[in-house]
Protein backbone atom coordinates (compact mmCIF):
# COMPACT_ATOMS: atom_id res chain seq x y z
CA MET A 1 -21.93 22.03 67.32
CA HIS A 2 -18.59 20.32 67.14
CA GLY A 3 -20.12 17.03 68.27
CA ILE A 4 -22.82 17.19 65.65
CA THR A 5 -20.26 17.89 62.93
CA ARG A 6 -18.12 14.91 63.94
CA GLU A 7 -21.18 12.66 63.92
CA ARG A 8 -22.13 13.74 60.42
CA HIS A 9 -18.57 13.19 59.17
CA GLY A 10 -18.58 9.70 60.69
CA ARG A 11 -21.74 8.76 58.88
CA GLN A 12 -20.38 10.01 55.56
CA ALA A 13 -17.15 8.00 55.90
CA GLY A 14 -18.86 4.61 56.39
CA PHE A 15 -21.19 2.33 54.32
CA THR A 16 -24.73 1.34 55.03
CA LEU A 17 -25.74 -2.32 54.91
CA VAL A 18 -27.64 -1.76 51.67
CA GLU A 19 -24.60 -0.14 50.02
CA LEU A 20 -22.42 -3.03 51.14
CA LEU A 21 -24.86 -5.60 49.75
CA VAL A 22 -25.07 -3.74 46.43
CA ALA A 23 -21.28 -3.61 46.21
CA LEU A 24 -21.00 -7.33 46.94
CA ALA A 25 -23.64 -8.10 44.33
CA LEU A 26 -21.78 -6.05 41.72
CA MET A 27 -18.50 -7.77 42.59
CA ALA A 28 -20.16 -11.17 42.32
CA LEU A 29 -21.64 -10.21 38.94
CA MET A 30 -18.29 -8.98 37.65
CA ALA A 31 -16.56 -12.12 38.93
CA GLY A 32 -19.14 -14.30 37.16
CA MET A 33 -18.71 -12.39 33.91
CA ALA A 34 -14.93 -12.62 34.19
CA TRP A 35 -15.18 -16.38 34.81
CA ARG A 36 -17.33 -16.87 31.72
CA VAL A 37 -14.85 -14.85 29.66
CA LEU A 38 -11.95 -16.92 30.97
CA ALA A 39 -13.86 -20.16 30.37
CA GLY A 40 -14.62 -19.06 26.81
CA MET A 41 -10.97 -18.21 26.21
CA GLN A 42 -9.91 -21.59 27.59
CA THR A 43 -12.40 -23.37 25.33
CA ALA A 44 -11.20 -21.42 22.29
CA LEU A 45 -7.58 -22.23 23.11
CA GLU A 46 -8.41 -25.93 23.48
CA VAL A 47 -10.30 -25.97 20.16
CA ASN A 48 -7.39 -24.23 18.42
CA ARG A 49 -4.95 -26.71 19.95
CA GLN A 50 -7.03 -29.68 18.80
CA HIS A 51 -7.31 -28.23 15.29
CA ALA A 52 -3.56 -27.62 15.14
CA ASP A 53 -2.87 -31.17 16.34
CA ALA A 54 -5.26 -32.57 13.72
CA VAL A 55 -3.58 -30.61 10.93
CA LEU A 56 -0.07 -31.61 12.04
CA THR A 57 -1.09 -35.28 12.34
CA LEU A 58 -2.64 -35.24 8.88
CA GLU A 59 0.45 -33.58 7.41
CA ALA A 60 2.64 -36.22 9.03
CA GLY A 61 0.44 -38.97 7.60
CA LEU A 62 0.55 -37.51 4.10
CA GLY A 63 4.31 -37.12 4.41
CA GLN A 64 4.61 -40.78 5.38
CA TRP A 65 2.36 -41.76 2.46
CA SER A 66 4.68 -39.99 0.01
CA ALA A 67 7.78 -41.39 1.71
CA ASP A 68 6.44 -44.95 1.41
CA LEU A 69 5.76 -44.53 -2.30
CA ASP A 70 9.13 -42.86 -2.92
CA ALA A 71 10.87 -45.86 -1.33
CA LEU A 72 9.12 -48.61 -3.34
CA VAL A 73 11.48 -51.50 -3.97
CA ALA A 74 11.30 -54.76 -5.95
CA LEU A 75 12.34 -57.97 -4.24
CA PRO A 76 12.77 -61.10 -6.34
CA GLN A 77 9.46 -62.95 -6.85
CA THR A 78 7.43 -60.50 -4.77
CA ARG A 79 4.91 -57.75 -5.36
CA THR A 80 5.93 -54.13 -5.10
CA LEU A 81 2.46 -52.54 -5.04
CA GLU A 82 -1.07 -53.91 -4.85
CA TRP A 83 -4.47 -52.22 -4.43
CA ASP A 84 -7.50 -54.46 -3.90
CA GLY A 85 -10.15 -51.76 -3.53
CA ARG A 86 -9.84 -51.72 0.24
CA ALA A 87 -6.15 -51.52 1.09
CA LEU A 88 -2.87 -50.58 -0.56
CA ARG A 89 -0.02 -52.99 0.21
CA LEU A 90 3.50 -52.17 -0.84
CA THR A 91 7.10 -53.19 -0.33
CA ARG A 92 9.46 -50.37 0.56
CA ARG A 93 13.12 -50.01 1.34
CA LEU A 94 14.11 -48.86 4.82
CA PRO A 95 16.46 -45.88 5.07
CA GLY A 96 20.13 -46.60 5.52
CA ASP A 97 20.05 -49.97 3.70
CA GLU A 98 18.43 -51.60 6.72
CA GLY A 99 16.38 -53.94 4.57
CA ALA A 100 12.76 -53.73 3.44
CA VAL A 101 9.32 -53.79 5.05
CA VAL A 102 5.77 -54.45 3.95
CA VAL A 103 3.52 -51.43 4.47
CA CYS A 104 -0.25 -51.36 4.26
CA TRP A 105 -2.67 -48.42 4.17
CA THR A 106 -6.40 -48.86 4.68
CA ARG A 107 -9.58 -47.42 6.16
CA ALA A 108 -11.21 -49.26 9.05
CA GLU A 109 -13.29 -48.58 12.13
CA ARG A 110 -11.57 -48.14 15.46
CA ASP A 111 -13.64 -47.40 18.56
CA GLY A 112 -16.66 -46.76 16.34
CA VAL A 113 -14.89 -44.18 14.14
CA ALA A 114 -13.67 -44.76 10.58
CA GLN A 115 -9.93 -44.12 10.59
CA TRP A 116 -7.15 -43.86 8.01
CA LEU A 117 -4.60 -46.44 9.18
CA ARG A 118 -1.03 -47.41 8.38
CA TRP A 119 0.56 -50.78 9.19
CA GLN A 120 4.22 -51.79 8.89
CA SER A 121 5.86 -55.18 9.23
CA ALA A 122 9.16 -56.03 10.82
CA PRO A 123 12.14 -55.79 8.43
CA VAL A 124 12.34 -58.61 5.87
CA SER A 125 15.36 -59.86 3.95
CA THR A 126 14.13 -63.11 2.38
CA ARG A 127 11.18 -64.05 0.21
CA GLU A 128 9.83 -66.30 2.96
CA ALA A 129 9.87 -63.42 5.45
CA TRP A 130 8.23 -61.18 2.85
CA LEU A 131 5.46 -63.73 2.22
CA THR A 132 4.76 -63.89 5.95
CA ALA A 133 4.66 -60.10 6.22
CA TRP A 134 2.47 -59.77 3.11
CA ALA A 135 -0.01 -62.28 4.55
CA ALA A 136 0.07 -60.54 7.95
CA ALA A 137 -0.83 -57.25 6.27
CA ASN A 138 -3.82 -58.91 4.62
CA ALA A 139 -4.89 -60.49 7.93
CA TRP A 140 -4.70 -57.04 9.55
CA VAL A 141 -6.93 -55.53 6.85
CA GLN A 142 -9.45 -58.33 7.15
CA GLY A 143 -9.44 -58.11 10.95
CA ALA A 144 -8.67 -61.80 11.15
CA ASP A 145 -5.77 -61.31 13.57
CA THR A 146 -6.25 -58.50 16.10
CA SER A 147 -2.72 -59.04 17.41
CA THR A 148 -1.41 -57.38 14.24
CA ARG A 149 -2.97 -54.10 15.39
CA THR A 150 0.05 -53.47 17.57
CA ARG A 151 1.84 -52.40 14.39
CA GLU A 152 -0.81 -49.97 13.18
CA VAL A 153 -0.85 -46.19 13.46
CA ARG A 154 -4.07 -44.20 13.39
CA ILE A 155 -3.64 -41.16 11.16
CA THR A 156 -7.00 -39.37 11.12
CA ALA A 157 -10.74 -39.88 11.08
CA MET A 158 -11.77 -40.51 7.48
CA PRO A 159 -15.24 -41.51 6.26
CA GLN A 160 -14.05 -42.33 2.73
CA TRP A 161 -11.00 -42.59 0.50
CA GLN A 162 -10.23 -43.37 -3.14
CA LEU A 163 -7.18 -44.16 -5.24
CA PHE A 164 -6.51 -43.55 -8.92
CA TYR A 165 -3.54 -44.65 -11.01
CA TYR A 166 -2.01 -42.52 -13.74
CA ARG A 167 -1.16 -44.65 -16.77
CA THR A 168 -0.86 -43.95 -20.48
CA GLY A 169 -1.67 -40.28 -19.96
CA ALA A 170 -4.87 -40.62 -17.93
CA TRP A 171 -6.17 -41.26 -14.41
CA SER A 172 -8.12 -44.48 -13.99
CA ASN A 173 -9.42 -46.93 -11.44
CA PRO A 174 -6.48 -49.13 -10.33
CA LEU A 175 -8.68 -52.22 -10.49
CA SER A 176 -9.33 -51.63 -14.18
CA SER A 177 -5.60 -51.71 -14.93
CA ALA A 178 -3.10 -54.54 -14.78
CA GLY A 179 -1.85 -55.07 -11.25
CA SER A 180 1.68 -55.58 -10.09
CA SER A 181 3.34 -58.70 -11.39
CA PRO A 182 5.71 -60.87 -9.40
CA GLY A 183 9.40 -60.91 -10.08
CA GLY A 184 11.13 -58.64 -12.56
CA GLU A 185 7.87 -57.37 -14.14
CA ALA A 186 6.83 -55.59 -10.95
CA ASN A 187 8.66 -52.37 -11.78
CA ALA A 188 7.30 -52.21 -15.31
CA SER A 189 3.71 -52.44 -14.03
CA LEU A 190 4.02 -49.65 -11.47
CA PRO A 191 1.83 -46.63 -12.28
CA GLU A 192 3.40 -43.36 -13.28
CA GLY A 193 1.42 -41.62 -10.58
CA ILE A 194 -1.04 -42.26 -7.75
CA ARG A 195 -3.85 -39.90 -6.75
CA LEU A 196 -5.05 -40.11 -3.16
CA VAL A 197 -8.51 -38.65 -2.45
CA LEU A 198 -9.44 -38.35 1.22
CA THR A 199 -12.85 -37.30 2.53
CA LEU A 200 -12.39 -35.70 5.95
CA PRO A 201 -15.30 -35.33 8.41
CA ALA A 202 -17.01 -32.02 9.16
CA ALA A 203 -15.50 -32.01 12.65
CA HIS A 204 -11.96 -32.05 11.25
CA ALA A 205 -9.88 -28.86 11.07
CA LEU A 206 -9.76 -29.33 7.27
CA PRO A 207 -13.20 -30.76 6.42
CA GLY A 208 -14.13 -31.88 2.94
CA THR A 209 -12.15 -33.51 0.13
CA LEU A 210 -8.36 -33.50 0.09
CA VAL A 211 -6.40 -34.62 -2.98
CA ARG A 212 -2.72 -35.57 -2.94
CA ASP A 213 -0.92 -36.62 -6.14
CA TRP A 214 2.29 -38.64 -6.15
CA ALA A 215 4.50 -38.90 -9.24
CA ARG A 216 6.92 -41.74 -9.79
CA LYS A 217 10.36 -40.18 -10.04
CA HIS A 218 12.38 -43.27 -10.90
CA SER A 219 12.09 -47.01 -11.08
CA ALA A 220 12.30 -48.98 -7.86
CA GLY A 221 15.73 -50.55 -7.53
CA ALA A 222 16.15 -54.23 -6.97
CA MET A 223 17.59 -55.24 -3.64
CA PRO A 224 20.76 -57.30 -3.69
């Protein structure tokens, strides 16, 4: 009797092959489900990171846009601001009285994607240097000189953009208004405000139309 009892206890304490296989199958199923959950969490984290990066990059670009306009400066016999329907070229003062630069904003394709781009020249201190920089900005916009791309910064994917000038109490197409004049008349011809309208793609973290208004706070000062 004692031997039979020990044998029965031994059978109850172990696992049959079928039980072991079922347990392994359940463990494999649970591991697969856990892996899919982890993969989904990783994908969600990556998407959130990309969206956050896109928003921060766009905010930085808009901040730079406003900073460029706030720092507009008139050099003798130069243009302060010019929009030709494709690009906005401007002359701005560098911080800390380090001179001035020519800046250009445009939309162009890079690697098959329409991008909002910013270009900046080397510092200029003479009219001759300014003329060279102004022409280089135009060559960059036209794509005539690919070497100028080393000075560009890609802000964000952007299928379309528009600009409007605020003058005489109304927003209008900049091309329907008088453009910047050379020399001392440049400041007088600057618009009171500029409206930037960006169309962001559906894949962007902030898809749709974004509007940013800039108001001219004071006249651009003439450089010595």
